[in-house]
Amino acid sequence: GMVTQFGFTPTVTTEEMRQKQDIIEKVQNINQI
């Protein structure tokens, strides 16, 4: 019944985030499981 709002500016692309070391380690851990 109403409209709410929120705004932000993205600063890191999906591909750039995938190349971060801690994200790489997280993905490897999940894939091992």
PDB file of all heavy atoms in Angstrom:
ATOM      1  N   GLY A   1       0.778  -1.234   0.000  1.00  0.00           N
ATOM      2  CA  GLY A   1       0.000   0.000   0.000  1.00  0.00           C
ATOM      3  C   GLY A   1       0.802   1.272   0.000  1.00  0.00           C
ATOM      4  O   GLY A   1       0.219   2.365  -0.009  1.00  0.00           O
ATOM      5  N   MET A   2       2.133   1.201   0.026  1.00  0.00           N
ATOM      6  CA  MET A   2       2.939   2.411  -0.010  1.00  0.00           C
ATOM      7  C   MET A   2       4.251   2.139  -0.744  1.00  0.00           C
ATOM      8  O   MET A   2       4.610   0.994  -0.999  1.00  0.00           O
ATOM      9  CB  MET A   2       3.215   2.921   1.407  1.00  0.00           C
ATOM     10  CG  MET A   2       4.073   2.014   2.247  1.00  0.00           C
ATOM     11  SD  MET A   2       4.363   2.643   3.928  1.00  0.00           S
ATOM     12  CE  MET A   2       5.301   4.118   3.579  1.00  0.00           C
ATOM     13  N   VAL A   3       4.933   3.215  -1.115  1.00  0.00           N
ATOM     14  CA  VAL A   3       6.214   3.119  -1.817  1.00  0.00           C
ATOM     15  C   VAL A   3       7.316   3.602  -0.878  1.00  0.00           C
ATOM     16  O   VAL A   3       7.249   4.713  -0.357  1.00  0.00           O
ATOM     17  CB  VAL A   3       6.207   3.962  -3.112  1.00  0.00           C
ATOM     18  CG1 VAL A   3       7.576   3.903  -3.789  1.00  0.00           C
ATOM     19  CG2 VAL A   3       5.131   3.471  -4.069  1.00  0.00           C
ATOM     20  N   THR A   4       8.306   2.746  -0.640  1.00  0.00           N
ATOM     21  CA  THR A   4       9.489   3.136   0.132  1.00  0.00           C
ATOM     22  C   THR A   4      10.666   3.254  -0.833  1.00  0.00           C
ATOM     23  O   THR A   4      10.585   2.792  -1.982  1.00  0.00           O
ATOM     24  CB  THR A   4       9.803   2.098   1.217  1.00  0.00           C
ATOM     25  OG1 THR A   4       9.940   0.803   0.619  1.00  0.00           O
ATOM     26  CG2 THR A   4       8.689   2.059   2.246  1.00  0.00           C
ATOM     27  N   GLN A   5      11.750   3.872  -0.373  1.00  0.00           N
ATOM     28  CA  GLN A   5      12.876   4.035  -1.277  1.00  0.00           C
ATOM     29  C   GLN A   5      14.210   3.951  -0.549  1.00  0.00           C
ATOM     30  O   GLN A   5      14.301   4.156   0.657  1.00  0.00           O
ATOM     31  CB  GLN A   5      12.776   5.359  -2.033  1.00  0.00           C
ATOM     32  CG  GLN A   5      12.956   6.608  -1.185  1.00  0.00           C
ATOM     33  CD  GLN A   5      12.912   7.881  -2.028  1.00  0.00           C
ATOM     34  OE1 GLN A   5      12.129   7.988  -2.955  1.00  0.00           O
ATOM     35  NE2 GLN A   5      13.760   8.837  -1.703  1.00  0.00           N
ATOM     36  N   PHE A   6      15.232   3.622  -1.324  1.00  0.00           N
ATOM     37  CA  PHE A   6      16.604   3.537  -0.829  1.00  0.00           C
ATOM     38  C   PHE A   6      17.519   3.733  -2.029  1.00  0.00           C
ATOM     39  O   PHE A   6      17.217   3.257  -3.121  1.00  0.00           O
ATOM     40  CB  PHE A   6      16.878   2.173  -0.194  1.00  0.00           C
ATOM     41  CG  PHE A   6      18.120   2.127   0.664  1.00  0.00           C
ATOM     42  CD1 PHE A   6      18.021   2.087   2.031  1.00  0.00           C
ATOM     43  CD2 PHE A   6      19.384   2.140   0.092  1.00  0.00           C
ATOM     44  CE1 PHE A   6      19.152   2.046   2.837  1.00  0.00           C
ATOM     45  CE2 PHE A   6      20.520   2.107   0.874  1.00  0.00           C
ATOM     46  CZ  PHE A   6      20.413   2.053   2.248  1.00  0.00           C
ATOM     47  N   GLY A   7      18.615   4.438  -1.820  1.00  0.00           N
ATOM     48  CA  GLY A   7      19.527   4.694  -2.931  1.00  0.00           C
ATOM     49  C   GLY A   7      20.969   4.436  -2.564  1.00  0.00           C
ATOM     50  O   GLY A   7      21.364   4.568  -1.407  1.00  0.00           O
ATOM     51  N   PHE A   8      21.767   4.056  -3.542  1.00  0.00           N
ATOM     52  CA  PHE A   8      23.206   3.918  -3.351  1.00  0.00           C
ATOM     53  C   PHE A   8      23.898   3.932  -4.706  1.00  0.00           C
ATOM     54  O   PHE A   8      23.245   3.861  -5.759  1.00  0.00           O
ATOM     55  CB  PHE A   8      23.553   2.628  -2.586  1.00  0.00           C
ATOM     56  CG  PHE A   8      23.155   1.347  -3.281  1.00  0.00           C
ATOM     57  CD1 PHE A   8      23.963   0.784  -4.265  1.00  0.00           C
ATOM     58  CD2 PHE A   8      21.992   0.690  -2.924  1.00  0.00           C
ATOM     59  CE1 PHE A   8      23.608  -0.394  -4.897  1.00  0.00           C
ATOM     60  CE2 PHE A   8      21.623  -0.488  -3.556  1.00  0.00           C
ATOM     61  CZ  PHE A   8      22.430  -1.034  -4.542  1.00  0.00           C
ATOM     62  N   THR A   9      25.210   4.020  -4.668  1.00  0.00           N
ATOM     63  CA  THR A   9      26.020   3.998  -5.883  1.00  0.00           C
ATOM     64  C   THR A   9      26.922   2.778  -5.850  1.00  0.00           C
ATOM     65  O   THR A   9      27.809   2.686  -4.995  1.00  0.00           O
ATOM     66  CB  THR A   9      26.888   5.267  -5.992  1.00  0.00           C
ATOM     67  OG1 THR A   9      26.041   6.424  -5.969  1.00  0.00           O
ATOM     68  CG2 THR A   9      27.702   5.250  -7.269  1.00  0.00           C
ATOM     69  N   PRO A  10      26.745   1.809  -6.757  1.00  0.00           N
ATOM     70  CA  PRO A  10      27.634   0.641  -6.789  1.00  0.00           C
ATOM     71  C   PRO A  10      29.056   1.057  -7.168  1.00  0.00           C
ATOM     72  O   PRO A  10      29.248   1.895  -8.051  1.00  0.00           O
ATOM     73  CB  PRO A  10      27.015  -0.248  -7.876  1.00  0.00           C
ATOM     74  CG  PRO A  10      25.635   0.281  -8.097  1.00  0.00           C
ATOM     75  CD  PRO A  10      25.683   1.735  -7.781  1.00  0.00           C
ATOM     76  N   THR A  11      30.046   0.467  -6.510  1.00  0.00           N
ATOM     77  CA  THR A  11      31.442   0.842  -6.761  1.00  0.00           C
ATOM     78  C   THR A  11      32.314  -0.311  -7.239  1.00  0.00           C
ATOM     79  O   THR A  11      33.436  -0.079  -7.686  1.00  0.00           O
ATOM     80  CB  THR A  11      32.073   1.426  -5.482  1.00  0.00           C
ATOM     81  OG1 THR A  11      31.945   0.470  -4.410  1.00  0.00           O
ATOM     82  CG2 THR A  11      31.385   2.723  -5.071  1.00  0.00           C
ATOM     83  N   VAL A  12      31.818  -1.529  -7.137  1.00  0.00           N
ATOM     84  CA  VAL A  12      32.619  -2.699  -7.528  1.00  0.00           C
ATOM     85  C   VAL A  12      31.774  -3.590  -8.433  1.00  0.00           C
ATOM     86  O   VAL A  12      30.680  -4.010  -8.039  1.00  0.00           O
ATOM     87  CB  VAL A  12      33.084  -3.503  -6.298  1.00  0.00           C
ATOM     88  CG1 VAL A  12      33.984  -4.672  -6.726  1.00  0.00           C
ATOM     89  CG2 VAL A  12      33.817  -2.609  -5.300  1.00  0.00           C
ATOM     90  N   THR A  13      32.269  -3.875  -9.624  1.00  0.00           N
ATOM     91  CA  THR A  13      31.525  -4.746 -10.533  1.00  0.00           C
ATOM     92  C   THR A  13      31.536  -6.180 -10.019  1.00  0.00           C
ATOM     93  O   THR A  13      32.348  -6.560  -9.166  1.00  0.00           O
ATOM     94  CB  THR A  13      32.108  -4.721 -11.950  1.00  0.00           C
ATOM     95  OG1 THR A  13      33.416  -5.321 -11.930  1.00  0.00           O
ATOM     96  CG2 THR A  13      32.208  -3.303 -12.483  1.00  0.00           C
ATOM     97  N   THR A  14      30.632  -6.980 -10.560  1.00  0.00           N
ATOM     98  CA  THR A  14      30.566  -8.386 -10.169  1.00  0.00           C
ATOM     99  C   THR A  14      31.882  -9.095 -10.470  1.00  0.00           C
ATOM    100  O   THR A  14      32.393  -9.870  -9.648  1.00  0.00           O
ATOM    101  CB  THR A  14      29.413  -9.091 -10.899  1.00  0.00           C
ATOM    102  OG1 THR A  14      28.176  -8.450 -10.557  1.00  0.00           O
ATOM    103  CG2 THR A  14      29.332 -10.563 -10.522  1.00  0.00           C
ATOM    104  N   GLU A  15      32.452  -8.830 -11.652  1.00  0.00           N
ATOM    105  CA  GLU A  15      33.709  -9.475 -12.031  1.00  0.00           C
ATOM    106  C   GLU A  15      34.850  -9.053 -11.118  1.00  0.00           C
ATOM    107  O   GLU A  15      35.704  -9.871 -10.746  1.00  0.00           O
ATOM    108  CB  GLU A  15      34.047  -9.152 -13.493  1.00  0.00           C
ATOM    109  CG  GLU A  15      33.154  -9.853 -14.500  1.00  0.00           C
ATOM    110  CD  GLU A  15      33.219 -11.377 -14.372  1.00  0.00           C
ATOM    111  OE1 GLU A  15      34.321 -11.914 -14.102  1.00  0.00           O
ATOM    112  OE2 GLU A  15      32.173 -12.028 -14.530  1.00  0.00           O
ATOM    113  N   GLU A  16      34.891  -7.781 -10.745  1.00  0.00           N
ATOM    114  CA  GLU A  16      35.946  -7.308  -9.838  1.00  0.00           C
ATOM    115  C   GLU A  16      35.822  -7.959  -8.462  1.00  0.00           C
ATOM    116  O   GLU A  16      36.832  -8.321  -7.840  1.00  0.00           O
ATOM    117  CB  GLU A  16      35.877  -5.788  -9.714  1.00  0.00           C
ATOM    118  CG  GLU A  16      36.310  -5.041 -10.965  1.00  0.00           C
ATOM    119  CD  GLU A  16      36.035  -3.549 -10.881  1.00  0.00           C
ATOM    120  OE1 GLU A  16      35.226  -3.140 -10.024  1.00  0.00           O
ATOM    121  OE2 GLU A  16      36.621  -2.797 -11.691  1.00  0.00           O
ATOM    122  N   MET A  17      34.596  -8.107  -7.973  1.00  0.00           N
ATOM    123  CA  MET A  17      34.397  -8.735  -6.671  1.00  0.00           C
ATOM    124  C   MET A  17      34.808 -10.200  -6.705  1.00  0.00           C
ATOM    125  O   MET A  17      35.366 -10.730  -5.739  1.00  0.00           O
ATOM    126  CB  MET A  17      32.940  -8.592  -6.244  1.00  0.00           C
ATOM    127  CG  MET A  17      32.651  -9.099  -4.838  1.00  0.00           C
ATOM    128  SD  MET A  17      33.542  -8.217  -3.534  1.00  0.00           S
ATOM    129  CE  MET A  17      32.575  -6.711  -3.419  1.00  0.00           C
ATOM    130  N   ARG A  18      34.554 -10.873  -7.833  1.00  0.00           N
ATOM    131  CA  ARG A  18      34.923 -12.278  -7.946  1.00  0.00           C
ATOM    132  C   ARG A  18      36.439 -12.487  -7.907  1.00  0.00           C
ATOM    133  O   ARG A  18      36.898 -13.587  -7.587  1.00  0.00           O
ATOM    134  CB  ARG A  18      34.375 -12.856  -9.257  1.00  0.00           C
ATOM    135  CG  ARG A  18      32.870 -13.074  -9.255  1.00  0.00           C
ATOM    136  CD  ARG A  18      32.369 -13.488 -10.621  1.00  0.00           C
ATOM    137  NE  ARG A  18      30.925 -13.734 -10.620  1.00  0.00           N
ATOM    138  CZ  ARG A  18      30.203 -13.943 -11.712  1.00  0.00           C
ATOM    139  NH1 ARG A  18      30.795 -13.925 -12.916  1.00  0.00           N
ATOM    140  NH2 ARG A  18      28.907 -14.167 -11.626  1.00  0.00           N
ATOM    141  N   GLN A  19      37.206 -11.456  -8.220  1.00  0.00           N
ATOM    142  CA  GLN A  19      38.664 -11.577  -8.241  1.00  0.00           C
ATOM    143  C   GLN A  19      39.311 -11.277  -6.894  1.00  0.00           C
ATOM    144  O   GLN A  19      40.523 -11.452  -6.741  1.00  0.00           O
ATOM    145  CB  GLN A  19      39.240 -10.626  -9.303  1.00  0.00           C
ATOM    146  CG  GLN A  19      38.759 -10.897 -10.716  1.00  0.00           C
ATOM    147  CD  GLN A  19      38.954 -12.339 -11.148  1.00  0.00           C
ATOM    148  OE1 GLN A  19      40.025 -12.902 -10.947  1.00  0.00           O
ATOM    149  NE2 GLN A  19      37.923 -12.928 -11.735  1.00  0.00           N
ATOM    150  N   LYS A  20      38.518 -10.833  -5.898  1.00  0.00           N
ATOM    151  CA  LYS A  20      39.085 -10.547  -4.583  1.00  0.00           C
ATOM    152  C   LYS A  20      39.446 -11.852  -3.879  1.00  0.00           C
ATOM    153  O   LYS A  20      38.708 -12.837  -3.951  1.00  0.00           O
ATOM    154  CB  LYS A  20      38.103  -9.732  -3.735  1.00  0.00           C
ATOM    155  CG  LYS A  20      37.886  -8.321  -4.291  1.00  0.00           C
ATOM    156  CD  LYS A  20      37.187  -7.432  -3.291  1.00  0.00           C
ATOM    157  CE  LYS A  20      37.116  -6.005  -3.781  1.00  0.00           C
ATOM    158  NZ  LYS A  20      36.563  -5.077  -2.779  1.00  0.00           N
ATOM    159  N   GLN A  21      40.590 -11.831  -3.180  1.00  0.00           N
ATOM    160  CA  GLN A  21      41.141 -13.059  -2.634  1.00  0.00           C
ATOM    161  C   GLN A  21      40.213 -13.737  -1.644  1.00  0.00           C
ATOM    162  O   GLN A  21      40.033 -14.960  -1.682  1.00  0.00           O
ATOM    163  CB  GLN A  21      42.495 -12.756  -1.957  1.00  0.00           C
ATOM    164  CG  GLN A  21      43.229 -13.997  -1.479  1.00  0.00           C
ATOM    165  CD  GLN A  21      43.516 -14.986  -2.585  1.00  0.00           C
ATOM    166  OE1 GLN A  21      43.830 -14.583  -3.724  1.00  0.00           O
ATOM    167  NE2 GLN A  21      43.394 -16.276  -2.296  1.00  0.00           N
ATOM    168  N   ASP A  22      39.586 -12.964  -0.760  1.00  0.00           N
ATOM    169  CA  ASP A  22      38.711 -13.611   0.226  1.00  0.00           C
ATOM    170  C   ASP A  22      37.461 -14.192  -0.417  1.00  0.00           C
ATOM    171  O   ASP A  22      36.929 -15.206   0.036  1.00  0.00           O
ATOM    172  CB  ASP A  22      38.343 -12.639   1.348  1.00  0.00           C
ATOM    173  CG  ASP A  22      37.841 -11.312   0.834  1.00  0.00           C
ATOM    174  OD1 ASP A  22      37.981 -11.067  -0.373  1.00  0.00           O
ATOM    175  OD2 ASP A  22      37.317 -10.519   1.632  1.00  0.00           O
ATOM    176  N   ILE A  23      36.989 -13.565  -1.506  1.00  0.00           N
ATOM    177  CA  ILE A  23      35.844 -14.126  -2.232  1.00  0.00           C
ATOM    178  C   ILE A  23      36.264 -15.414  -2.938  1.00  0.00           C
ATOM    179  O   ILE A  23      35.512 -16.404  -2.951  1.00  0.00           O
ATOM    180  CB  ILE A  23      35.284 -13.109  -3.244  1.00  0.00           C
ATOM    181  CG1 ILE A  23      34.715 -11.892  -2.512  1.00  0.00           C
ATOM    182  CG2 ILE A  23      34.211 -13.758  -4.119  1.00  0.00           C
ATOM    183  CD1 ILE A  23      33.531 -12.190  -1.616  1.00  0.00           C
ATOM    184  N   ILE A  24      37.469 -15.422  -3.513  1.00  0.00           N
ATOM    185  CA  ILE A  24      37.981 -16.636  -4.164  1.00  0.00           C
ATOM    186  C   ILE A  24      38.056 -17.785  -3.160  1.00  0.00           C
ATOM    187  O   ILE A  24      37.639 -18.915  -3.442  1.00  0.00           O
ATOM    188  CB  ILE A  24      39.368 -16.370  -4.785  1.00  0.00           C
ATOM    189  CG1 ILE A  24      39.239 -15.386  -5.960  1.00  0.00           C
ATOM    190  CG2 ILE A  24      40.015 -17.674  -5.255  1.00  0.00           C
ATOM    191  CD1 ILE A  24      40.565 -14.952  -6.551  1.00  0.00           C
ATOM    192  N   GLU A  25      38.578 -17.494  -1.961  1.00  0.00           N
ATOM    193  CA  GLU A  25      38.690 -18.528  -0.929  1.00  0.00           C
ATOM    194  C   GLU A  25      37.312 -19.008  -0.483  1.00  0.00           C
ATOM    195  O   GLU A  25      37.107 -20.205  -0.237  1.00  0.00           O
ATOM    196  CB  GLU A  25      39.478 -17.983   0.256  1.00  0.00           C
ATOM    197  CG  GLU A  25      40.944 -17.705  -0.063  1.00  0.00           C
ATOM    198  CD  GLU A  25      41.678 -17.035   1.083  1.00  0.00           C
ATOM    199  OE1 GLU A  25      41.027 -16.761   2.125  1.00  0.00           O
ATOM    200  OE2 GLU A  25      42.883 -16.779   0.950  1.00  0.00           O
ATOM    201  N   LYS A  26      36.371 -18.075  -0.366  1.00  0.00           N
ATOM    202  CA  LYS A  26      35.007 -18.446   0.031  1.00  0.00           C
ATOM    203  C   LYS A  26      34.378 -19.367  -1.013  1.00  0.00           C
ATOM    204  O   LYS A  26      33.764 -20.387  -0.670  1.00  0.00           O
ATOM    205  CB  LYS A  26      34.154 -17.184   0.195  1.00  0.00           C
ATOM    206  CG  LYS A  26      32.690 -17.458   0.488  1.00  0.00           C
ATOM    207  CD  LYS A  26      31.897 -16.176   0.559  1.00  0.00           C
ATOM    208  CE  LYS A  26      30.411 -16.454   0.767  1.00  0.00           C
ATOM    209  NZ  LYS A  26      29.614 -15.209   0.800  1.00  0.00           N
ATOM    210  N   VAL A  27      34.537 -19.024  -2.288  1.00  0.00           N
ATOM    211  CA  VAL A  27      33.971 -19.839  -3.368  1.00  0.00           C
ATOM    212  C   VAL A  27      34.596 -21.227  -3.372  1.00  0.00           C
ATOM    213  O   VAL A  27      33.905 -22.247  -3.536  1.00  0.00           O
ATOM    214  CB  VAL A  27      34.165 -19.142  -4.729  1.00  0.00           C
ATOM    215  CG1 VAL A  27      33.785 -20.074  -5.881  1.00  0.00           C
ATOM    216  CG2 VAL A  27      33.329 -17.864  -4.802  1.00  0.00           C
ATOM    217  N   GLN A  28      35.917 -21.288  -3.184  1.00  0.00           N
ATOM    218  CA  GLN A  28      36.597 -22.583  -3.147  1.00  0.00           C
ATOM    219  C   GLN A  28      36.097 -23.441  -1.994  1.00  0.00           C
ATOM    220  O   GLN A  28      35.883 -24.653  -2.158  1.00  0.00           O
ATOM    221  CB  GLN A  28      38.108 -22.365  -3.028  1.00  0.00           C
ATOM    222  CG  GLN A  28      38.750 -21.793  -4.287  1.00  0.00           C
ATOM    223  CD  GLN A  28      40.215 -21.456  -4.090  1.00  0.00           C
ATOM    224  OE1 GLN A  28      40.710 -21.377  -2.962  1.00  0.00           O
ATOM    225  NE2 GLN A  28      40.940 -21.244  -5.191  1.00  0.00           N
ATOM    226  N   ASN A  29      35.892 -22.830  -0.847  1.00  0.00           N
ATOM    227  CA  ASN A  29      35.400 -23.564   0.321  1.00  0.00           C
ATOM    228  C   ASN A  29      33.997 -24.097   0.084  1.00  0.00           C
ATOM    229  O   ASN A  29      33.694 -25.260   0.403  1.00  0.00           O
ATOM    230  CB  ASN A  29      35.423 -22.644   1.551  1.00  0.00           C
ATOM    231  CG  ASN A  29      34.980 -23.367   2.813  1.00  0.00           C
ATOM    232  OD1 ASN A  29      35.481 -24.437   3.120  1.00  0.00           O
ATOM    233  ND2 ASN A  29      34.040 -22.780   3.526  1.00  0.00           N
ATOM    234  N   ILE A  30      33.132 -23.261  -0.487  1.00  0.00           N
ATOM    235  CA  ILE A  30      31.761 -23.698  -0.770  1.00  0.00           C
ATOM    236  C   ILE A  30      31.756 -24.833  -1.788  1.00  0.00           C
ATOM    237  O   ILE A  30      31.026 -25.829  -1.633  1.00  0.00           O
ATOM    238  CB  ILE A  30      30.914 -22.507  -1.274  1.00  0.00           C
ATOM    239  CG1 ILE A  30      30.715 -21.491  -0.149  1.00  0.00           C
ATOM    240  CG2 ILE A  30      29.563 -22.991  -1.804  1.00  0.00           C
ATOM    241  CD1 ILE A  30      30.013 -20.229  -0.581  1.00  0.00           C
ATOM    242  N   ASN A  31      32.572 -24.710  -2.834  1.00  0.00           N
ATOM    243  CA  ASN A  31      32.603 -25.749  -3.865  1.00  0.00           C
ATOM    244  C   ASN A  31      33.184 -27.058  -3.333  1.00  0.00           C
ATOM    245  O   ASN A  31      32.794 -28.143  -3.788  1.00  0.00           O
ATOM    246  CB  ASN A  31      33.397 -25.263  -5.075  1.00  0.00           C
ATOM    247  CG  ASN A  31      32.577 -24.330  -5.957  1.00  0.00           C
ATOM    248  OD1 ASN A  31      31.360 -24.479  -6.049  1.00  0.00           O
ATOM    249  ND2 ASN A  31      33.221 -23.374  -6.575  1.00  0.00           N
ATOM    250  N   GLN A  32      34.097 -26.967  -2.371  1.00  0.00           N
ATOM    251  CA  GLN A  32      34.615 -28.181  -1.754  1.00  0.00           C
ATOM    252  C   GLN A  32      33.518 -28.908  -0.987  1.00  0.00           C
ATOM    253  O   GLN A  32      33.393 -30.131  -1.053  1.00  0.00           O
ATOM    254  CB  GLN A  32      35.775 -27.843  -0.817  1.00  0.00           C
ATOM    255  CG  GLN A  32      36.434 -29.068  -0.199  1.00  0.00           C
ATOM    256  CD  GLN A  32      37.628 -28.692   0.670  1.00  0.00           C
ATOM    257  OE1 GLN A  32      38.009 -27.532   0.753  1.00  0.00           O
ATOM    258  NE2 GLN A  32      38.198 -29.682   1.328  1.00  0.00           N
ATOM    259  N   ILE A  33      32.709 -28.132  -0.262  1.00  0.00           N
ATOM    260  CA  ILE A  33      31.574 -28.717   0.468  1.00  0.00           C
ATOM    261  C   ILE A  33      30.572 -29.324  -0.514  1.00  0.00           C
ATOM    262  O   ILE A  33      30.043 -30.426  -0.296  1.00  0.00           O
ATOM    263  CB  ILE A  33      30.900 -27.648   1.345  1.00  0.00           C
ATOM    264  CG1 ILE A  33      31.869 -27.159   2.429  1.00  0.00           C
ATOM    265  CG2 ILE A  33      29.623 -28.186   1.975  1.00  0.00           C
ATOM    266  CD1 ILE A  33      31.360 -25.982   3.226  1.00  0.00           C
TER     267      ILE A  33
END
